[in-house]
Amino acid sequence: MADRSLRGMRLGAQSMQSEEGVEFSPRKRAVYRTDDGTTFEVVFAAEAEVPDVWESPRTGQEGRLVGDDGELVEQEAVETKAPRTHWDMLLERRTRAELEEILQERLEYLRARRGEGAKSSKSA
């Protein structure tokens, strides 16, 4: 038994699978160019929507999509709305005069409370 050796494959060294009978999904390549002029390719599914901007896997810089003619694809200007602030929401519900009146009421209330707190701390 010692004079016989077992023959076999190394585990994990080679795959037993082959590409025979495998159909790959349809794909398309998109070329991107960074500001410094380097280009890189990204593979997408054929039905996927290709973004105008992609981060380079090597440099981390932002690359812009290059069209079939070799020129950069123009990006659509996206209109962004300014975020609504708390003040904007207040002005939707009340007029400025009403807000001034509420402010005065609250200030009087706070001043009255502070005045009562000052008297009680002096007597203690």
N, C-alpha and C. Protein backbone atom coordinates (compact mmCIF):
# COMPACT_ATOMS: atom_id res chain seq x y z
N MET A 1 0.83 -1.20 0.00
CA MET A 1 0.00 0.00 0.00
C MET A 1 0.86 1.25 0.00
N ALA A 2 1.98 1.19 0.70
CA ALA A 2 2.86 2.34 0.79
C ALA A 2 3.51 2.64 -0.55
N ASP A 3 3.64 1.65 -1.42
CA ASP A 3 4.29 1.88 -2.70
C ASP A 3 3.33 2.47 -3.74
N ARG A 4 2.06 2.55 -3.43
CA ARG A 4 1.08 3.11 -4.35
C ARG A 4 0.76 4.54 -3.94
N SER A 5 0.61 5.40 -4.88
CA SER A 5 0.24 6.78 -4.54
C SER A 5 -1.14 7.07 -5.11
N LEU A 6 -1.85 7.89 -4.42
CA LEU A 6 -3.19 8.28 -4.88
C LEU A 6 -3.04 9.45 -5.85
N ARG A 7 -3.71 9.35 -6.95
CA ARG A 7 -3.65 10.43 -7.92
C ARG A 7 -4.99 11.14 -7.97
N GLY A 8 -4.93 12.42 -8.12
CA GLY A 8 -6.16 13.20 -8.18
C GLY A 8 -5.85 14.66 -8.44
N MET A 9 -6.88 15.46 -8.36
CA MET A 9 -6.69 16.90 -8.60
C MET A 9 -6.47 17.62 -7.28
N ARG A 10 -5.80 18.72 -7.38
CA ARG A 10 -5.66 19.57 -6.21
C ARG A 10 -7.01 20.28 -5.99
N LEU A 11 -7.41 20.38 -4.78
CA LEU A 11 -8.68 21.03 -4.48
C LEU A 11 -8.56 22.53 -4.71
N GLY A 12 -9.50 23.07 -5.44
CA GLY A 12 -9.55 24.51 -5.64
C GLY A 12 -8.59 25.02 -6.69
N ALA A 13 -7.72 24.19 -7.21
CA ALA A 13 -6.73 24.66 -8.17
C ALA A 13 -7.32 24.84 -9.55
N GLN A 14 -8.20 23.96 -9.94
CA GLN A 14 -8.79 24.03 -11.27
C GLN A 14 -10.28 23.80 -11.17
N SER A 15 -10.99 24.44 -12.07
CA SER A 15 -12.44 24.29 -12.08
C SER A 15 -12.82 23.12 -12.98
N MET A 16 -13.80 22.38 -12.59
CA MET A 16 -14.30 21.28 -13.40
C MET A 16 -15.39 21.74 -14.36
N GLN A 17 -15.80 22.99 -14.23
CA GLN A 17 -16.85 23.50 -15.09
C GLN A 17 -16.26 23.97 -16.41
N SER A 18 -17.05 23.89 -17.44
CA SER A 18 -16.63 24.42 -18.73
C SER A 18 -17.71 25.39 -19.22
N GLU A 19 -17.38 26.17 -20.22
CA GLU A 19 -18.34 27.14 -20.77
C GLU A 19 -19.19 26.52 -21.87
N GLU A 20 -19.13 25.24 -22.00
CA GLU A 20 -19.90 24.54 -23.02
C GLU A 20 -21.38 24.58 -22.67
N GLY A 21 -22.20 25.06 -23.59
CA GLY A 21 -23.64 25.12 -23.39
C GLY A 21 -24.09 26.30 -22.54
N VAL A 22 -23.20 27.21 -22.22
CA VAL A 22 -23.56 28.37 -21.41
C VAL A 22 -23.83 29.54 -22.34
N GLU A 23 -24.96 30.18 -22.16
CA GLU A 23 -25.30 31.37 -22.94
C GLU A 23 -25.15 32.59 -22.05
N PHE A 24 -24.28 33.49 -22.44
CA PHE A 24 -24.09 34.70 -21.66
C PHE A 24 -25.21 35.68 -21.98
N SER A 25 -25.57 36.47 -20.99
CA SER A 25 -26.60 37.47 -21.21
C SER A 25 -26.05 38.56 -22.13
N PRO A 26 -26.91 39.20 -22.90
CA PRO A 26 -26.42 40.27 -23.79
C PRO A 26 -25.85 41.43 -22.99
N ARG A 27 -24.74 41.96 -23.47
CA ARG A 27 -24.04 43.02 -22.75
C ARG A 27 -23.66 44.14 -23.70
N LYS A 28 -23.35 45.29 -23.11
CA LYS A 28 -22.82 46.40 -23.89
C LYS A 28 -21.74 47.08 -23.07
N ARG A 29 -20.79 47.65 -23.78
CA ARG A 29 -19.66 48.32 -23.13
C ARG A 29 -19.87 49.83 -23.22
N ALA A 30 -19.51 50.51 -22.16
CA ALA A 30 -19.56 51.97 -22.14
C ALA A 30 -18.15 52.47 -21.82
N VAL A 31 -17.72 53.47 -22.56
CA VAL A 31 -16.39 54.04 -22.36
C VAL A 31 -16.54 55.37 -21.63
N TYR A 32 -15.71 55.57 -20.61
CA TYR A 32 -15.73 56.79 -19.82
C TYR A 32 -14.35 57.44 -19.88
N ARG A 33 -14.30 58.77 -19.80
CA ARG A 33 -13.04 59.52 -19.81
C ARG A 33 -13.01 60.44 -18.60
N THR A 34 -11.89 60.41 -17.88
CA THR A 34 -11.73 61.30 -16.72
C THR A 34 -11.19 62.64 -17.18
N ASP A 35 -11.08 63.59 -16.26
CA ASP A 35 -10.60 64.93 -16.59
C ASP A 35 -9.15 64.94 -17.07
N ASP A 36 -8.35 63.98 -16.57
CA ASP A 36 -6.95 63.94 -16.99
C ASP A 36 -6.73 63.19 -18.31
N GLY A 37 -7.82 62.72 -18.93
CA GLY A 37 -7.74 62.11 -20.25
C GLY A 37 -7.69 60.60 -20.28
N THR A 38 -7.58 59.94 -19.14
CA THR A 38 -7.55 58.47 -19.14
C THR A 38 -8.95 57.94 -19.39
N THR A 39 -9.01 56.81 -20.11
CA THR A 39 -10.31 56.20 -20.42
C THR A 39 -10.37 54.83 -19.76
N PHE A 40 -11.59 54.40 -19.49
CA PHE A 40 -11.83 53.07 -18.96
C PHE A 40 -13.18 52.58 -19.44
N GLU A 41 -13.35 51.27 -19.47
CA GLU A 41 -14.59 50.67 -19.95
C GLU A 41 -15.34 50.03 -18.79
N VAL A 42 -16.66 50.07 -18.90
CA VAL A 42 -17.53 49.41 -17.93
C VAL A 42 -18.54 48.60 -18.72
N VAL A 43 -18.77 47.36 -18.31
CA VAL A 43 -19.71 46.48 -19.01
C VAL A 43 -21.04 46.51 -18.28
N PHE A 44 -22.12 46.73 -19.05
CA PHE A 44 -23.47 46.77 -18.51
C PHE A 44 -24.33 45.73 -19.22
N ALA A 45 -25.43 45.37 -18.60
CA ALA A 45 -26.41 44.53 -19.28
C ALA A 45 -27.00 45.32 -20.45
N ALA A 46 -27.42 44.61 -21.49
CA ALA A 46 -27.89 45.27 -22.72
C ALA A 46 -29.10 46.16 -22.44
N GLU A 47 -29.96 45.76 -21.52
CA GLU A 47 -31.17 46.55 -21.26
C GLU A 47 -30.98 47.60 -20.17
N ALA A 48 -29.77 47.67 -19.58
CA ALA A 48 -29.51 48.63 -18.50
C ALA A 48 -29.36 50.04 -19.06
N GLU A 49 -29.75 51.00 -18.25
CA GLU A 49 -29.58 52.40 -18.62
C GLU A 49 -28.17 52.83 -18.21
N VAL A 50 -27.39 53.31 -19.17
CA VAL A 50 -25.99 53.66 -18.92
C VAL A 50 -25.94 55.06 -18.31
N PRO A 51 -25.31 55.21 -17.12
CA PRO A 51 -25.23 56.53 -16.49
C PRO A 51 -24.23 57.43 -17.21
N ASP A 52 -24.41 58.73 -17.11
CA ASP A 52 -23.54 59.71 -17.75
C ASP A 52 -22.19 59.83 -17.04
N VAL A 53 -22.16 59.48 -15.75
CA VAL A 53 -20.94 59.63 -14.95
C VAL A 53 -20.68 58.32 -14.22
N TRP A 54 -19.38 57.91 -14.16
CA TRP A 54 -19.00 56.69 -13.46
C TRP A 54 -17.63 56.90 -12.83
N GLU A 55 -17.41 56.33 -11.64
CA GLU A 55 -16.14 56.49 -10.95
C GLU A 55 -15.12 55.49 -11.49
N SER A 56 -13.92 55.98 -11.78
CA SER A 56 -12.86 55.13 -12.31
C SER A 56 -12.43 54.12 -11.25
N PRO A 57 -12.33 52.83 -11.61
CA PRO A 57 -11.92 51.83 -10.62
C PRO A 57 -10.44 51.94 -10.24
N ARG A 58 -9.62 52.55 -11.10
CA ARG A 58 -8.19 52.67 -10.80
C ARG A 58 -7.86 53.91 -10.00
N THR A 59 -8.35 55.07 -10.47
CA THR A 59 -7.95 56.34 -9.85
C THR A 59 -8.99 56.90 -8.90
N GLY A 60 -10.25 56.46 -9.02
CA GLY A 60 -11.31 57.00 -8.18
C GLY A 60 -11.85 58.32 -8.68
N GLN A 61 -11.31 58.82 -9.81
CA GLN A 61 -11.81 60.07 -10.38
C GLN A 61 -13.13 59.81 -11.10
N GLU A 62 -13.86 60.87 -11.28
CA GLU A 62 -15.15 60.77 -11.95
C GLU A 62 -14.93 60.82 -13.46
N GLY A 63 -15.45 59.83 -14.18
CA GLY A 63 -15.33 59.79 -15.63
C GLY A 63 -16.66 60.09 -16.28
N ARG A 64 -16.62 60.79 -17.41
CA ARG A 64 -17.84 61.12 -18.15
C ARG A 64 -17.96 60.20 -19.35
N LEU A 65 -19.18 59.88 -19.71
CA LEU A 65 -19.49 58.95 -20.79
C LEU A 65 -19.01 59.50 -22.12
N VAL A 66 -18.34 58.63 -22.90
CA VAL A 66 -17.87 58.99 -24.23
C VAL A 66 -18.81 58.33 -25.24
N GLY A 67 -19.29 59.11 -26.22
CA GLY A 67 -20.20 58.59 -27.23
C GLY A 67 -19.47 57.77 -28.28
N ASP A 68 -20.23 57.23 -29.23
CA ASP A 68 -19.66 56.42 -30.31
C ASP A 68 -18.73 57.24 -31.20
N ASP A 69 -18.97 58.56 -31.26
CA ASP A 69 -18.14 59.42 -32.11
C ASP A 69 -16.84 59.85 -31.42
N GLY A 70 -16.63 59.46 -30.16
CA GLY A 70 -15.41 59.81 -29.44
C GLY A 70 -15.52 61.09 -28.63
N GLU A 71 -16.65 61.77 -28.71
CA GLU A 71 -16.87 63.01 -27.96
C GLU A 71 -17.63 62.70 -26.68
N LEU A 72 -17.47 63.57 -25.68
CA LEU A 72 -18.19 63.40 -24.41
C LEU A 72 -19.68 63.61 -24.63
N VAL A 73 -20.48 62.80 -23.99
CA VAL A 73 -21.93 62.92 -24.08
C VAL A 73 -22.37 64.08 -23.21
N GLU A 74 -23.22 64.94 -23.74
CA GLU A 74 -23.71 66.09 -22.98
C GLU A 74 -24.65 65.61 -21.88
N GLN A 75 -24.44 66.14 -20.69
CA GLN A 75 -25.30 65.77 -19.56
C GLN A 75 -26.53 66.66 -19.55
N GLU A 76 -27.64 66.06 -19.17
CA GLU A 76 -28.87 66.83 -19.03
C GLU A 76 -28.81 67.61 -17.73
N ALA A 77 -29.17 68.87 -17.81
CA ALA A 77 -29.17 69.70 -16.60
C ALA A 77 -30.38 69.31 -15.75
N VAL A 78 -30.11 68.88 -14.56
CA VAL A 78 -31.17 68.48 -13.64
C VAL A 78 -31.52 69.67 -12.77
N GLU A 79 -32.78 70.01 -12.78
CA GLU A 79 -33.24 71.16 -11.99
C GLU A 79 -33.46 70.71 -10.56
N THR A 80 -32.73 71.32 -9.64
CA THR A 80 -32.86 70.96 -8.23
C THR A 80 -33.62 72.05 -7.49
N LYS A 81 -34.55 71.63 -6.67
CA LYS A 81 -35.30 72.58 -5.86
C LYS A 81 -34.55 72.82 -4.55
N ALA A 82 -34.60 74.05 -4.11
CA ALA A 82 -33.99 74.37 -2.82
C ALA A 82 -34.83 73.71 -1.72
N PRO A 83 -34.20 73.15 -0.71
CA PRO A 83 -34.96 72.51 0.35
C PRO A 83 -35.77 73.54 1.15
N ARG A 84 -36.96 73.11 1.56
CA ARG A 84 -37.79 74.01 2.35
C ARG A 84 -37.25 74.09 3.76
N THR A 85 -37.12 75.30 4.26
CA THR A 85 -36.65 75.50 5.62
C THR A 85 -37.84 75.58 6.57
N HIS A 86 -37.53 75.58 7.84
CA HIS A 86 -38.58 75.71 8.85
C HIS A 86 -39.30 77.06 8.69
N TRP A 87 -38.53 78.09 8.37
CA TRP A 87 -39.11 79.43 8.18
C TRP A 87 -40.08 79.43 7.01
N ASP A 88 -39.74 78.75 5.91
CA ASP A 88 -40.64 78.66 4.76
C ASP A 88 -41.96 77.99 5.13
N MET A 89 -41.87 76.93 5.92
CA MET A 89 -43.09 76.23 6.33
C MET A 89 -43.94 77.09 7.26
N LEU A 90 -43.29 77.87 8.13
CA LEU A 90 -44.05 78.77 9.00
C LEU A 90 -44.79 79.81 8.17
N LEU A 91 -44.11 80.37 7.16
CA LEU A 91 -44.73 81.40 6.34
C LEU A 91 -45.87 80.86 5.49
N GLU A 92 -45.90 79.54 5.25
CA GLU A 92 -47.03 78.94 4.53
C GLU A 92 -48.28 78.90 5.40
N ARG A 93 -48.10 78.80 6.72
CA ARG A 93 -49.24 78.68 7.63
C ARG A 93 -49.70 79.99 8.24
N ARG A 94 -48.76 80.93 8.44
CA ARG A 94 -49.10 82.18 9.13
C ARG A 94 -48.49 83.37 8.40
N THR A 95 -49.10 84.54 8.67
CA THR A 95 -48.53 85.76 8.09
C THR A 95 -47.41 86.25 9.01
N ARG A 96 -46.63 87.17 8.50
CA ARG A 96 -45.52 87.71 9.29
C ARG A 96 -46.03 88.46 10.52
N ALA A 97 -47.16 89.14 10.38
CA ALA A 97 -47.74 89.87 11.51
C ALA A 97 -48.15 88.90 12.62
N GLU A 98 -48.77 87.77 12.24
CA GLU A 98 -49.16 86.77 13.24
C GLU A 98 -47.93 86.21 13.96
N LEU A 99 -46.88 85.97 13.21
CA LEU A 99 -45.65 85.45 13.81
C LEU A 99 -45.03 86.44 14.79
N GLU A 100 -45.06 87.73 14.44
CA GLU A 100 -44.54 88.77 15.35
C GLU A 100 -45.35 88.79 16.64
N GLU A 101 -46.67 88.65 16.51
CA GLU A 101 -47.54 88.66 17.69
C GLU A 101 -47.26 87.46 18.59
N ILE A 102 -47.11 86.28 18.00
CA ILE A 102 -46.82 85.07 18.77
C ILE A 102 -45.46 85.20 19.46
N LEU A 103 -44.50 85.78 18.75
CA LEU A 103 -43.17 85.97 19.33
C LEU A 103 -43.24 86.87 20.56
N GLN A 104 -43.98 87.96 20.48
CA GLN A 104 -44.11 88.87 21.61
C GLN A 104 -44.78 88.19 22.79
N GLU A 105 -45.82 87.39 22.53
CA GLU A 105 -46.50 86.67 23.61
C GLU A 105 -45.53 85.72 24.32
N ARG A 106 -44.74 84.98 23.54
CA ARG A 106 -43.80 84.03 24.13
C ARG A 106 -42.70 84.73 24.92
N LEU A 107 -42.22 85.86 24.39
CA LEU A 107 -41.19 86.61 25.11
C LEU A 107 -41.72 87.13 26.44
N GLU A 108 -42.95 87.65 26.44
CA GLU A 108 -43.56 88.13 27.69
C GLU A 108 -43.70 86.98 28.68
N TYR A 109 -44.13 85.82 28.20
CA TYR A 109 -44.29 84.65 29.06
C TYR A 109 -42.94 84.24 29.68
N LEU A 110 -41.90 84.18 28.84
CA LEU A 110 -40.57 83.79 29.33
C LEU A 110 -40.01 84.81 30.31
N ARG A 111 -40.23 86.09 30.02
CA ARG A 111 -39.74 87.13 30.94
C ARG A 111 -40.48 87.05 32.26
N ALA A 112 -41.77 86.76 32.24
CA ALA A 112 -42.55 86.63 33.47
C ALA A 112 -42.05 85.43 34.28
N ARG A 113 -41.78 84.32 33.61
CA ARG A 113 -41.26 83.14 34.31
C ARG A 113 -39.88 83.41 34.90
N ARG A 114 -39.05 84.10 34.17
CA ARG A 114 -37.71 84.41 34.66
C ARG A 114 -37.80 85.35 35.87
N GLY A 115 -38.73 86.28 35.81
CA GLY A 115 -38.92 87.19 36.93
C GLY A 115 -39.37 86.46 38.17
N GLU A 116 -40.28 85.47 38.04
CA GLU A 116 -40.73 84.70 39.18
C GLU A 116 -39.60 83.82 39.73
N GLY A 117 -38.79 83.25 38.82
CA GLY A 117 -37.66 82.42 39.26
C GLY A 117 -36.63 83.23 40.01
N ALA A 118 -36.41 84.49 39.63
CA ALA A 118 -35.42 85.35 40.28
C ALA A 118 -35.89 85.70 41.68
N LYS A 119 -37.20 85.99 41.87
CA LYS A 119 -37.73 86.33 43.18
C LYS A 119 -37.64 85.15 44.14
N SER A 120 -37.97 83.94 43.65
CA SER A 120 -37.95 82.78 44.54
C SER A 120 -36.52 82.40 44.92
N SER A 121 -35.54 82.61 44.04
CA SER A 121 -34.15 82.28 44.40
C SER A 121 -33.58 83.31 45.37
N LYS A 122 -34.03 84.58 45.33
CA LYS A 122 -33.53 85.60 46.26
C LYS A 122 -34.04 85.32 47.67
N SER A 123 -35.30 84.88 47.78
CA SER A 123 -35.87 84.66 49.09
C SER A 123 -35.32 83.39 49.74
N ALA A 124 -34.78 82.49 48.99
CA ALA A 124 -34.25 81.24 49.54
C ALA A 124 -32.90 81.43 50.08
